[in-house]
């Protein structure tokens, strides 16, 4: 799934044009978290296996992040808070590097960064 954002240090979302992330990009983050949630629930996906005993904790964290992101967007925020974006990036980052490494080992091309 292509995303219009990537993570740059310090963990902050920027658009591909280099602009600070807007609420449109926040929507992409929400969609990514939602997709990760679904993958963690499905034992057929690699993410569910990687999560192991942390699966329930990560599902709870994703639910809280989605609730907070939705609340901030509903309040008319122009951009999600740094704390929310950082938490989301750290959670997503726990799965992304493994996916890229597994893909390279299997001969698949490297995936684009979030």
PDB file of N, CA and C in Angstrom:
ATOM      1  N   UNK A   1       0.856  -1.171   0.000  1.00  0.00           N
ATOM      2  CA  UNK A   1       0.000   0.000   0.000  1.00  0.00           C
ATOM      3  C   UNK A   1       0.899   1.230   0.000  1.00  0.00           C
ATOM      4  N   UNK A   2       0.790   2.058  -1.016  1.00  0.00           N
ATOM      5  CA  UNK A   2       1.596   3.269  -1.108  1.00  0.00           C
ATOM      6  C   UNK A   2       1.050   4.327  -0.163  1.00  0.00           C
ATOM      7  N   UNK A   3       1.970   4.996   0.508  1.00  0.00           N
ATOM      8  CA  UNK A   3       1.582   6.052   1.433  1.00  0.00           C
ATOM      9  C   UNK A   3       2.302   7.337   1.063  1.00  0.00           C
ATOM     10  N   UNK A   4       1.628   8.488   1.189  1.00  0.00           N
ATOM     11  CA  UNK A   4       2.238   9.764   0.790  1.00  0.00           C
ATOM     12  C   UNK A   4       3.167  10.343   1.848  1.00  0.00           C
ATOM     13  N   UNK A   5       3.605   9.533   2.798  1.00  0.00           N
ATOM     14  CA  UNK A   5       4.460  10.048   3.864  1.00  0.00           C
ATOM     15  C   UNK A   5       5.638   9.126   4.105  1.00  0.00           C
ATOM     16  N   UNK A   6       6.624   9.636   4.787  1.00  0.00           N
ATOM     17  CA  UNK A   6       7.727   8.825   5.282  1.00  0.00           C
ATOM     18  C   UNK A   6       8.190   9.417   6.604  1.00  0.00           C
ATOM     19  N   UNK A   7       8.939   8.629   7.360  1.00  0.00           N
ATOM     20  CA  UNK A   7       9.388   9.075   8.676  1.00  0.00           C
ATOM     21  C   UNK A   7      10.812   9.597   8.559  1.00  0.00           C
ATOM     22  N   UNK A   8      11.046  10.794   9.087  1.00  0.00           N
ATOM     23  CA  UNK A   8      12.392  11.369   9.091  1.00  0.00           C
ATOM     24  C   UNK A   8      12.740  11.756  10.527  1.00  0.00           C
ATOM     25  N   UNK A   9      14.013  11.625  10.916  1.00  0.00           N
ATOM     26  CA  UNK A   9      14.389  12.007  12.286  1.00  0.00           C
ATOM     27  C   UNK A   9      14.310  13.514  12.473  1.00  0.00           C
ATOM     28  N   UNK A  10      13.922  14.054  13.634  1.00  0.00           N
ATOM     29  CA  UNK A  10      13.254  13.295  14.674  1.00  0.00           C
ATOM     30  C   UNK A  10      11.912  12.826  14.151  1.00  0.00           C
ATOM     31  N   UNK A  11      11.370  11.756  14.702  1.00  0.00           N
ATOM     32  CA  UNK A  11      10.189  11.122  14.108  1.00  0.00           C
ATOM     33  C   UNK A  11       9.103  12.163  13.865  1.00  0.00           C
ATOM     34  N   UNK A  12       8.876  12.438  12.620  1.00  0.00           N
ATOM     35  CA  UNK A  12       7.923  13.462  12.194  1.00  0.00           C
ATOM     36  C   UNK A  12       7.476  13.076  10.795  1.00  0.00           C
ATOM     37  N   UNK A  13       6.230  13.241  10.518  1.00  0.00           N
ATOM     38  CA  UNK A  13       5.727  12.902   9.199  1.00  0.00           C
ATOM     39  C   UNK A  13       5.829  14.102   8.276  1.00  0.00           C
ATOM     40  N   UNK A  14       6.343  13.885   7.081  1.00  0.00           N
ATOM     41  CA  UNK A  14       6.420  14.943   6.079  1.00  0.00           C
ATOM     42  C   UNK A  14       5.809  14.426   4.794  1.00  0.00           C
ATOM     43  N   UNK A  15       5.277  15.326   4.001  1.00  0.00           N
ATOM     44  CA  UNK A  15       4.728  14.920   2.711  1.00  0.00           C
ATOM     45  C   UNK A  15       5.875  14.657   1.756  1.00  0.00           C
ATOM     46  N   UNK A  16       5.588  14.012   0.632  1.00  0.00           N
ATOM     47  CA  UNK A  16       6.641  13.731  -0.338  1.00  0.00           C
ATOM     48  C   UNK A  16       7.197  15.021  -0.918  1.00  0.00           C
ATOM     49  N   UNK A  17       6.444  16.115  -0.827  1.00  0.00           N
ATOM     50  CA  UNK A  17       6.918  17.415  -1.298  1.00  0.00           C
ATOM     51  C   UNK A  17       7.800  18.091  -0.246  1.00  0.00           C
ATOM     52  N   UNK A  18       7.913  17.480   0.942  1.00  0.00           N
ATOM     53  CA  UNK A  18       8.753  18.033   1.994  1.00  0.00           C
ATOM     54  C   UNK A  18       8.017  18.940   2.958  1.00  0.00           C
ATOM     55  N   UNK A  19       6.714  19.130   2.748  1.00  0.00           N
ATOM     56  CA  UNK A  19       5.927  19.981   3.638  1.00  0.00           C
ATOM     57  C   UNK A  19       5.578  19.223   4.916  1.00  0.00           C
ATOM     58  N   UNK A  20       5.308  19.967   5.972  1.00  0.00           N
ATOM     59  CA  UNK A  20       4.851  19.375   7.222  1.00  0.00           C
ATOM     60  C   UNK A  20       3.532  18.648   6.944  1.00  0.00           C
ATOM     61  N   UNK A  21       3.331  17.530   7.599  1.00  0.00           N
ATOM     62  CA  UNK A  21       2.159  16.695   7.330  1.00  0.00           C
ATOM     63  C   UNK A  21       0.857  17.432   7.629  1.00  0.00           C
ATOM     64  N   UNK A  22      -0.088  17.296   6.742  1.00  0.00           N
ATOM     65  CA  UNK A  22      -1.400  17.924   6.901  1.00  0.00           C
ATOM     66  C   UNK A  22      -2.398  16.881   7.376  1.00  0.00           C
ATOM     67  N   UNK A  23      -3.628  17.303   7.573  1.00  0.00           N
ATOM     68  CA  UNK A  23      -4.676  16.392   8.011  1.00  0.00           C
ATOM     69  C   UNK A  23      -4.948  15.335   6.935  1.00  0.00           C
ATOM     70  N   UNK A  24      -4.673  15.657   5.665  1.00  0.00           N
ATOM     71  CA  UNK A  24      -4.821  14.674   4.593  1.00  0.00           C
ATOM     72  C   UNK A  24      -3.840  13.530   4.803  1.00  0.00           C
ATOM     73  N   UNK A  25      -2.624  13.869   5.188  1.00  0.00           N
ATOM     74  CA  UNK A  25      -1.616  12.852   5.463  1.00  0.00           C
ATOM     75  C   UNK A  25      -1.987  12.097   6.735  1.00  0.00           C
ATOM     76  N   UNK A  26      -2.609  12.771   7.682  1.00  0.00           N
ATOM     77  CA  UNK A  26      -3.058  12.105   8.903  1.00  0.00           C
ATOM     78  C   UNK A  26      -4.054  11.005   8.564  1.00  0.00           C
ATOM     79  N   UNK A  27      -4.874  11.245   7.554  1.00  0.00           N
ATOM     80  CA  UNK A  27      -5.825  10.230   7.113  1.00  0.00           C
ATOM     81  C   UNK A  27      -5.085   8.990   6.628  1.00  0.00           C
ATOM     82  N   UNK A  28      -3.977   9.185   5.923  1.00  0.00           N
ATOM     83  CA  UNK A  28      -3.170   8.049   5.462  1.00  0.00           C
ATOM     84  C   UNK A  28      -2.607   7.277   6.655  1.00  0.00           C
ATOM     85  N   UNK A  29      -2.207   7.992   7.705  1.00  0.00           N
ATOM     86  CA  UNK A  29      -1.700   7.340   8.907  1.00  0.00           C
ATOM     87  C   UNK A  29      -2.795   6.502   9.559  1.00  0.00           C
ATOM     88  N   UNK A  30      -3.997   7.056   9.644  1.00  0.00           N
ATOM     89  CA  UNK A  30      -5.125   6.333  10.222  1.00  0.00           C
ATOM     90  C   UNK A  30      -5.399   5.069   9.410  1.00  0.00           C
ATOM     91  N   UNK A  31      -5.371   5.179   8.089  1.00  0.00           N
ATOM     92  CA  UNK A  31      -5.604   4.015   7.236  1.00  0.00           C
ATOM     93  C   UNK A  31      -4.519   2.961   7.453  1.00  0.00           C
ATOM     94  N   UNK A  32      -3.274   3.399   7.612  1.00  0.00           N
ATOM     95  CA  UNK A  32      -2.176   2.459   7.832  1.00  0.00           C
ATOM     96  C   UNK A  32      -2.342   1.739   9.172  1.00  0.00           C
ATOM     97  N   UNK A  33      -2.680   2.477  10.222  1.00  0.00           N
ATOM     98  CA  UNK A  33      -2.900   1.856  11.529  1.00  0.00           C
ATOM     99  C   UNK A  33      -4.058   0.872  11.473  1.00  0.00           C
ATOM    100  N   UNK A  34      -5.110   1.235  10.751  1.00  0.00           N
ATOM    101  CA  UNK A  34      -6.268   0.359  10.608  1.00  0.00           C
ATOM    102  C   UNK A  34      -5.878  -0.936   9.891  1.00  0.00           C
ATOM    103  N   UNK A  35      -5.078  -0.822   8.841  1.00  0.00           N
ATOM    104  CA  UNK A  35      -4.626  -2.006   8.102  1.00  0.00           C
ATOM    105  C   UNK A  35      -3.732  -2.881   8.985  1.00  0.00           C
ATOM    106  N   UNK A  36      -2.855  -2.255   9.778  1.00  0.00           N
ATOM    107  CA  UNK A  36      -1.993  -3.015  10.683  1.00  0.00           C
ATOM    108  C   UNK A  36      -2.839  -3.748  11.715  1.00  0.00           C
ATOM    109  N   UNK A  37      -3.875  -3.100  12.208  1.00  0.00           N
ATOM    110  CA  UNK A  37      -4.786  -3.723  13.173  1.00  0.00           C
ATOM    111  C   UNK A  37      -5.395  -4.988  12.576  1.00  0.00           C
ATOM    112  N   UNK A  38      -5.889  -4.876  11.340  1.00  0.00           N
ATOM    113  CA  UNK A  38      -6.489  -6.035  10.667  1.00  0.00           C
ATOM    114  C   UNK A  38      -5.480  -7.162  10.484  1.00  0.00           C
ATOM    115  N   UNK A  39      -4.253  -6.811  10.124  1.00  0.00           N
ATOM    116  CA  UNK A  39      -3.216  -7.832   9.917  1.00  0.00           C
ATOM    117  C   UNK A  39      -2.831  -8.520  11.226  1.00  0.00           C
ATOM    118  N   UNK A  40      -2.837  -7.778  12.323  1.00  0.00           N
ATOM    119  CA  UNK A  40      -2.520  -8.384  13.617  1.00  0.00           C
ATOM    120  C   UNK A  40      -3.601  -9.370  14.054  1.00  0.00           C
ATOM    121  N   UNK A  41      -4.835  -9.128  13.626  1.00  0.00           N
ATOM    122  CA  UNK A  41      -5.935 -10.025  13.977  1.00  0.00           C
ATOM    123  C   UNK A  41      -5.938 -11.303  13.141  1.00  0.00           C
ATOM    124  N   UNK A  42      -5.360 -11.261  11.957  1.00  0.00           N
ATOM    125  CA  UNK A  42      -5.394 -12.394  11.034  1.00  0.00           C
ATOM    126  C   UNK A  42      -4.133 -13.245  11.191  1.00  0.00           C
ATOM    127  N   UNK A  43      -4.264 -14.458  11.756  1.00  0.00           N
ATOM    128  CA  UNK A  43      -3.079 -15.299  11.967  1.00  0.00           C
ATOM    129  C   UNK A  43      -2.389 -15.713  10.672  1.00  0.00           C
ATOM    130  N   UNK A  44      -3.017 -15.483   9.547  1.00  0.00           N
ATOM    131  CA  UNK A  44      -2.412 -15.800   8.261  1.00  0.00           C
ATOM    132  C   UNK A  44      -1.378 -14.785   7.813  1.00  0.00           C
ATOM    133  N   UNK A  45      -1.324 -13.636   8.455  1.00  0.00           N
ATOM    134  CA  UNK A  45      -0.361 -12.599   8.084  1.00  0.00           C
ATOM    135  C   UNK A  45       0.877 -12.666   8.968  1.00  0.00           C
ATOM    136  N   UNK A  46       2.008 -12.332   8.396  1.00  0.00           N
ATOM    137  CA  UNK A  46       3.285 -12.352   9.094  1.00  0.00           C
ATOM    138  C   UNK A  46       3.275 -11.444  10.323  1.00  0.00           C
ATOM    139  N   UNK A  47       2.606 -10.289  10.239  1.00  0.00           N
ATOM    140  CA  UNK A  47       2.574  -9.350  11.366  1.00  0.00           C
ATOM    141  C   UNK A  47       1.981  -9.994  12.617  1.00  0.00           C
ATOM    142  N   UNK A  48       0.972 -10.831  12.444  1.00  0.00           N
ATOM    143  CA  UNK A  48       0.358 -11.498  13.595  1.00  0.00           C
ATOM    144  C   UNK A  48       1.349 -12.447  14.258  1.00  0.00           C
ATOM    145  N   UNK A  49       2.171 -13.102  13.465  1.00  0.00           N
ATOM    146  CA  UNK A  49       3.176 -14.012  14.012  1.00  0.00           C
ATOM    147  C   UNK A  49       4.293 -13.244  14.707  1.00  0.00           C
ATOM    148  N   UNK A  50       4.710 -12.130  14.121  1.00  0.00           N
ATOM    149  CA  UNK A  50       5.774 -11.307  14.702  1.00  0.00           C
ATOM    150  C   UNK A  50       5.330 -10.736  16.043  1.00  0.00           C
ATOM    151  N   UNK A  51       4.078 -10.324  16.140  1.00  0.00           N
ATOM    152  CA  UNK A  51       3.573  -9.696  17.362  1.00  0.00           C
ATOM    153  C   UNK A  51       3.634 -10.647  18.548  1.00  0.00           C
ATOM    154  N   UNK A  52       3.333 -11.915  18.310  1.00  0.00           N
ATOM    155  CA  UNK A  52       3.387 -12.914  19.379  1.00  0.00           C
ATOM    156  C   UNK A  52       2.597 -12.496  20.601  1.00  0.00           C
ATOM    157  N   UNK A  53       3.259 -12.511  21.756  1.00  0.00           N
ATOM    158  CA  UNK A  53       2.582 -12.203  23.018  1.00  0.00           C
ATOM    159  C   UNK A  53       2.242 -10.722  23.158  1.00  0.00           C
ATOM    160  N   UNK A  54       2.847  -9.874  22.340  1.00  0.00           N
ATOM    161  CA  UNK A  54       2.553  -8.438  22.406  1.00  0.00           C
ATOM    162  C   UNK A  54       1.327  -8.058  21.576  1.00  0.00           C
ATOM    163  N   UNK A  55       0.735  -9.024  20.882  1.00  0.00           N
ATOM    164  CA  UNK A  55      -0.371  -8.732  19.973  1.00  0.00           C
ATOM    165  C   UNK A  55      -1.502  -7.973  20.656  1.00  0.00           C
ATOM    166  N   UNK A  56      -1.976  -8.454  21.804  1.00  0.00           N
ATOM    167  CA  UNK A  56      -3.091  -7.787  22.493  1.00  0.00           C
ATOM    168  C   UNK A  56      -2.714  -6.361  22.885  1.00  0.00           C
ATOM    169  N   UNK A  57      -1.488  -6.182  23.367  1.00  0.00           N
ATOM    170  CA  UNK A  57      -1.034  -4.841  23.759  1.00  0.00           C
ATOM    171  C   UNK A  57      -0.987  -3.922  22.544  1.00  0.00           C
ATOM    172  N   UNK A  58      -0.472  -4.413  21.428  1.00  0.00           N
ATOM    173  CA  UNK A  58      -0.390  -3.587  20.224  1.00  0.00           C
ATOM    174  C   UNK A  58      -1.775  -3.271  19.665  1.00  0.00           C
ATOM    175  N   UNK A  59      -2.700  -4.227  19.735  1.00  0.00           N
ATOM    176  CA  UNK A  59      -4.068  -3.955  19.286  1.00  0.00           C
ATOM    177  C   UNK A  59      -4.699  -2.853  20.136  1.00  0.00           C
ATOM    178  N   UNK A  60      -4.503  -2.912  21.449  1.00  0.00           N
ATOM    179  CA  UNK A  60      -5.024  -1.865  22.338  1.00  0.00           C
ATOM    180  C   UNK A  60      -4.399  -0.512  22.016  1.00  0.00           C
ATOM    181  N   UNK A  61      -3.093  -0.509  21.776  1.00  0.00           N
ATOM    182  CA  UNK A  61      -2.399   0.740  21.446  1.00  0.00           C
ATOM    183  C   UNK A  61      -2.935   1.327  20.154  1.00  0.00           C
ATOM    184  N   UNK A  62      -3.143   0.489  19.148  1.00  0.00           N
ATOM    185  CA  UNK A  62      -3.678   0.967  17.870  1.00  0.00           C
ATOM    186  C   UNK A  62      -5.067   1.553  18.071  1.00  0.00           C
ATOM    187  N   UNK A  63      -5.909   0.879  18.869  1.00  0.00           N
ATOM    188  CA  UNK A  63      -7.253   1.404  19.127  1.00  0.00           C
ATOM    189  C   UNK A  63      -7.181   2.789  19.760  1.00  0.00           C
ATOM    190  N   UNK A  64      -6.301   2.960  20.752  1.00  0.00           N
ATOM    191  CA  UNK A  64      -6.159   4.271  21.405  1.00  0.00           C
ATOM    192  C   UNK A  64      -5.656   5.327  20.426  1.00  0.00           C
ATOM    193  N   UNK A  65      -4.668   4.959  19.600  1.00  0.00           N
ATOM    194  CA  UNK A  65      -4.133   5.913  18.624  1.00  0.00           C
ATOM    195  C   UNK A  65      -5.197   6.315  17.612  1.00  0.00           C
ATOM    196  N   UNK A  66      -5.978   5.349  17.149  1.00  0.00           N
ATOM    197  CA  UNK A  66      -7.042   5.663  16.189  1.00  0.00           C
ATOM    198  C   UNK A  66      -8.087   6.578  16.823  1.00  0.00           C
ATOM    199  N   UNK A  67      -8.447   6.307  18.076  1.00  0.00           N
ATOM    200  CA  UNK A  67      -9.415   7.149  18.771  1.00  0.00           C
ATOM    201  C   UNK A  67      -8.880   8.570  18.918  1.00  0.00           C
ATOM    202  N   UNK A  68      -7.605   8.704  19.333  1.00  0.00           N
ATOM    203  CA  UNK A  68      -7.013  10.037  19.508  1.00  0.00           C
ATOM    204  C   UNK A  68      -6.887  10.773  18.181  1.00  0.00           C
ATOM    205  N   UNK A  69      -6.481  10.065  17.132  1.00  0.00           N
ATOM    206  CA  UNK A  69      -6.345  10.707  15.819  1.00  0.00           C
ATOM    207  C   UNK A  69      -7.697  11.197  15.328  1.00  0.00           C
ATOM    208  N   UNK A  70      -8.706  10.365  15.480  1.00  0.00           N
ATOM    209  CA  UNK A  70     -10.053  10.755  15.061  1.00  0.00           C
ATOM    210  C   UNK A  70     -10.544  11.952  15.869  1.00  0.00           C
ATOM    211  N   UNK A  71     -10.285  11.955  17.175  1.00  0.00           N
ATOM    212  CA  UNK A  71     -10.706  13.069  18.030  1.00  0.00           C
ATOM    213  C   UNK A  71     -10.016  14.361  17.610  1.00  0.00           C
ATOM    214  N   UNK A  72      -8.707  14.296  17.339  1.00  0.00           N
ATOM    215  CA  UNK A  72      -7.981  15.499  16.914  1.00  0.00           C
ATOM    216  C   UNK A  72      -8.503  16.001  15.571  1.00  0.00           C
ATOM    217  N   UNK A  73      -8.776  15.086  14.653  1.00  0.00           N
ATOM    218  CA  UNK A  73      -9.281  15.492  13.342  1.00  0.00           C
ATOM    219  C   UNK A  73     -10.673  16.106  13.473  1.00  0.00           C
ATOM    220  N   UNK A  74     -11.515  15.512  14.345  1.00  0.00           N
ATOM    221  CA  UNK A  74     -12.867  16.041  14.554  1.00  0.00           C
ATOM    222  C   UNK A  74     -12.847  17.435  15.170  1.00  0.00           C
ATOM    223  N   UNK A  75     -11.801  17.742  15.949  1.00  0.00           N
ATOM    224  CA  UNK A  75     -11.687  19.061  16.572  1.00  0.00           C
ATOM    225  C   UNK A  75     -11.158  20.102  15.598  1.00  0.00           C
ATOM    226  N   UNK A  76     -10.874  19.683  14.381  1.00  0.00           N
ATOM    227  CA  UNK A  76     -10.422  20.620  13.364  1.00  0.00           C
ATOM    228  C   UNK A  76      -8.939  20.907  13.383  1.00  0.00           C
ATOM    229  N   UNK A  77      -8.159  20.039  14.005  1.00  0.00           N
ATOM    230  CA  UNK A  77      -6.707  20.249  14.039  1.00  0.00           C
ATOM    231  C   UNK A  77      -6.153  20.238  12.619  1.00  0.00           C
ATOM    232  N   UNK A  78      -5.220  21.128  12.357  1.00  0.00           N
ATOM    233  CA  UNK A  78      -4.587  21.180  11.039  1.00  0.00           C
ATOM    234  C   UNK A  78      -3.545  20.075  10.896  1.00  0.00           C
ATOM    235  N   UNK A  79      -3.096  19.546  12.028  1.00  0.00           N
ATOM    236  CA  UNK A  79      -2.046  18.530  12.021  1.00  0.00           C
ATOM    237  C   UNK A  79      -2.157  17.721  13.305  1.00  0.00           C
ATOM    238  N   UNK A  80      -1.871  16.438  13.238  1.00  0.00           N
ATOM    239  CA  UNK A  80      -1.904  15.613  14.437  1.00  0.00           C
ATOM    240  C   UNK A  80      -0.774  16.019  15.380  1.00  0.00           C
ATOM    241  N   UNK A  81      -1.004  15.818  16.663  1.00  0.00           N
ATOM    242  CA  UNK A  81      -0.002  16.199  17.661  1.00  0.00           C
ATOM    243  C   UNK A  81       1.280  15.381  17.497  1.00  0.00           C
ATOM    244  N   UNK A  82       2.394  15.978  17.920  1.00  0.00           N
ATOM    245  CA  UNK A  82       3.686  15.289  17.845  1.00  0.00           C
ATOM    246  C   UNK A  82       3.665  13.983  18.631  1.00  0.00           C
ATOM    247  N   UNK A  83       3.049  13.992  19.801  1.00  0.00           N
ATOM    248  CA  UNK A  83       3.019  12.790  20.639  1.00  0.00           C
ATOM    249  C   UNK A  83       2.297  11.648  19.933  1.00  0.00           C
ATOM    250  N   UNK A  84       1.169  11.955  19.324  1.00  0.00           N
ATOM    251  CA  UNK A  84       0.406  10.918  18.629  1.00  0.00           C
ATOM    252  C   UNK A  84       1.192  10.379  17.442  1.00  0.00           C
ATOM    253  N   UNK A  85       1.786  11.269  16.663  1.00  0.00           N
ATOM    254  CA  UNK A  85       2.555  10.837  15.489  1.00  0.00           C
ATOM    255  C   UNK A  85       3.765  10.008  15.895  1.00  0.00           C
ATOM    256  N   UNK A  86       4.414  10.405  16.986  1.00  0.00           N
ATOM    257  CA  UNK A  86       5.585   9.666  17.444  1.00  0.00           C
ATOM    258  C   UNK A  86       5.197   8.266  17.907  1.00  0.00           C
ATOM    259  N   UNK A  87       4.114   8.166  18.684  1.00  0.00           N
ATOM    260  CA  UNK A  87       3.658   6.852  19.137  1.00  0.00           C
ATOM    261  C   UNK A  87       3.312   5.958  17.952  1.00  0.00           C
ATOM    262  N   UNK A  88       2.618   6.506  16.977  1.00  0.00           N
ATOM    263  CA  UNK A  88       2.239   5.724  15.799  1.00  0.00           C
ATOM    264  C   UNK A  88       3.473   5.274  15.030  1.00  0.00           C
ATOM    265  N   UNK A  89       4.427   6.177  14.862  1.00  0.00           N
ATOM    266  CA  UNK A  89       5.644   5.843  14.117  1.00  0.00           C
ATOM    267  C   UNK A  89       6.441   4.750  14.815  1.00  0.00           C
ATOM    268  N   UNK A  90       6.527   4.820  16.133  1.00  0.00           N
ATOM    269  CA  UNK A  90       7.260   3.794  16.876  1.00  0.00           C
ATOM    270  C   UNK A  90       6.582   2.434  16.760  1.00  0.00           C
ATOM    271  N   UNK A  91       5.263   2.420  16.845  1.00  0.00           N
ATOM    272  CA  UNK A  91       4.533   1.158  16.723  1.00  0.00           C
ATOM    273  C   UNK A  91       4.682   0.574  15.321  1.00  0.00           C
ATOM    274  N   UNK A  92       4.480   1.405  14.319  1.00  0.00           N
ATOM    275  CA  UNK A  92       4.603   0.954  12.933  1.00  0.00           C
ATOM    276  C   UNK A  92       6.028   0.478  12.665  1.00  0.00           C
ATOM    277  N   UNK A  93       6.997   1.186  13.216  1.00  0.00           N
ATOM    278  CA  UNK A  93       8.395   0.839  13.009  1.00  0.00           C
ATOM    279  C   UNK A  93       8.775  -0.530  13.539  1.00  0.00           C
ATOM    280  N   UNK A  94       8.018  -1.052  14.491  1.00  0.00           N
ATOM    281  CA  UNK A  94       8.302  -2.382  15.020  1.00  0.00           C
ATOM    282  C   UNK A  94       8.019  -3.468  13.992  1.00  0.00           C
ATOM    283  N   UNK A  95       7.205  -3.169  12.997  1.00  0.00           N
ATOM    284  CA  UNK A  95       6.852  -4.158  11.985  1.00  0.00           C
ATOM    285  C   UNK A  95       7.525  -3.888  10.650  1.00  0.00           C
ATOM    286  N   UNK A  96       7.730  -2.639  10.302  1.00  0.00           N
ATOM    287  CA  UNK A  96       8.285  -2.285   8.992  1.00  0.00           C
ATOM    288  C   UNK A  96       9.674  -2.864   8.734  1.00  0.00           C
ATOM    289  N   UNK A  97      10.646  -2.721   9.640  1.00  0.00           N
ATOM    290  CA  UNK A  97      11.979  -3.245   9.325  1.00  0.00           C
ATOM    291  C   UNK A  97      11.974  -4.752   9.091  1.00  0.00           C
ATOM    292  N   UNK A  98      11.178  -5.484   9.864  1.00  0.00           N
ATOM    293  CA  UNK A  98      11.107  -6.925   9.679  1.00  0.00           C
ATOM    294  C   UNK A  98      10.504  -7.276   8.331  1.00  0.00           C
ATOM    295  N   UNK A  99       9.508  -6.520   7.900  1.00  0.00           N
ATOM    296  CA  UNK A  99       8.883  -6.788   6.608  1.00  0.00           C
ATOM    297  C   UNK A  99       9.890  -6.592   5.488  1.00  0.00           C
ATOM    298  N   UNK A 100      10.696  -5.542   5.567  1.00  0.00           N
ATOM    299  CA  UNK A 100      11.690  -5.272   4.527  1.00  0.00           C
ATOM    300  C   UNK A 100      12.771  -6.345   4.530  1.00  0.00           C
ATOM    301  N   UNK A 101      13.234  -6.743   5.713  1.00  0.00           N
ATOM    302  CA  UNK A 101      14.274  -7.770   5.798  1.00  0.00           C
ATOM    303  C   UNK A 101      13.757  -9.108   5.299  1.00  0.00           C
ATOM    304  N   UNK A 102      12.535  -9.466   5.659  1.00  0.00           N
ATOM    305  CA  UNK A 102      11.946 -10.717   5.204  1.00  0.00           C
ATOM    306  C   UNK A 102      11.789 -10.708   3.699  1.00  0.00           C
ATOM    307  N   UNK A 103      11.366  -9.573   3.148  1.00  0.00           N
ATOM    308  CA  UNK A 103      11.193  -9.458   1.700  1.00  0.00           C
ATOM    309  C   UNK A 103      12.503  -9.637   0.961  1.00  0.00           C
ATOM    310  N   UNK A 104      13.574  -9.033   1.482  1.00  0.00           N
ATOM    311  CA  UNK A 104      14.881  -9.159   0.830  1.00  0.00           C
ATOM    312  C   UNK A 104      15.373 -10.600   0.881  1.00  0.00           C
ATOM    313  N   UNK A 105      15.135 -11.274   2.005  1.00  0.00           N
ATOM    314  CA  UNK A 105      15.560 -12.664   2.115  1.00  0.00           C
ATOM    315  C   UNK A 105      14.792 -13.548   1.145  1.00  0.00           C
ATOM    316  N   UNK A 106      13.541 -13.197   0.891  1.00  0.00           N
ATOM    317  CA  UNK A 106      12.709 -13.980  -0.016  1.00  0.00           C
ATOM    318  C   UNK A 106      12.904 -13.553  -1.465  1.00  0.00           C
ATOM    319  N   UNK A 107      13.767 -12.570  -1.715  1.00  0.00           N
ATOM    320  CA  UNK A 107      14.024 -12.117  -3.075  1.00  0.00           C
ATOM    321  C   UNK A 107      13.082 -11.044  -3.568  1.00  0.00           C
ATOM    322  N   UNK A 108      12.233 -10.517  -2.679  1.00  0.00           N
ATOM    323  CA  UNK A 108      11.322  -9.450  -3.068  1.00  0.00           C
ATOM    324  C   UNK A 108      12.053  -8.118  -2.995  1.00  0.00           C
ATOM    325  N   UNK A 109      11.672  -7.150  -3.841  1.00  0.00           N
ATOM    326  CA  UNK A 109      12.292  -5.827  -3.745  1.00  0.00           C
ATOM    327  C   UNK A 109      11.907  -5.154  -2.433  1.00  0.00           C
ATOM    328  N   UNK A 110      12.762  -4.279  -1.967  1.00  0.00           N
ATOM    329  CA  UNK A 110      12.503  -3.547  -0.732  1.00  0.00           C
ATOM    330  C   UNK A 110      11.264  -2.678  -0.883  1.00  0.00           C
ATOM    331  N   UNK A 111      10.473  -2.583   0.179  1.00  0.00           N
ATOM    332  CA  UNK A 111       9.256  -1.765   0.149  1.00  0.00           C
ATOM    333  C   UNK A 111       9.596  -0.317   0.458  1.00  0.00           C
ATOM    334  N   UNK A 112       8.773   0.589  -0.032  1.00  0.00           N
ATOM    335  CA  UNK A 112       8.966   2.018   0.234  1.00  0.00           C
ATOM    336  C   UNK A 112       8.720   2.304   1.707  1.00  0.00           C
ATOM    337  N   UNK A 113       9.382   3.321   2.211  1.00  0.00           N
ATOM    338  CA  UNK A 113       9.199   3.722   3.609  1.00  0.00           C
ATOM    339  C   UNK A 113       7.829   4.319   3.803  1.00  0.00           C
ATOM    340  N   UNK A 114       7.358   4.268   5.042  1.00  0.00           N
ATOM    341  CA  UNK A 114       6.050   4.838   5.380  1.00  0.00           C
ATOM    342  C   UNK A 114       6.059   6.304   5.104  1.00  0.00           C
TER     343      UNK A 114
END
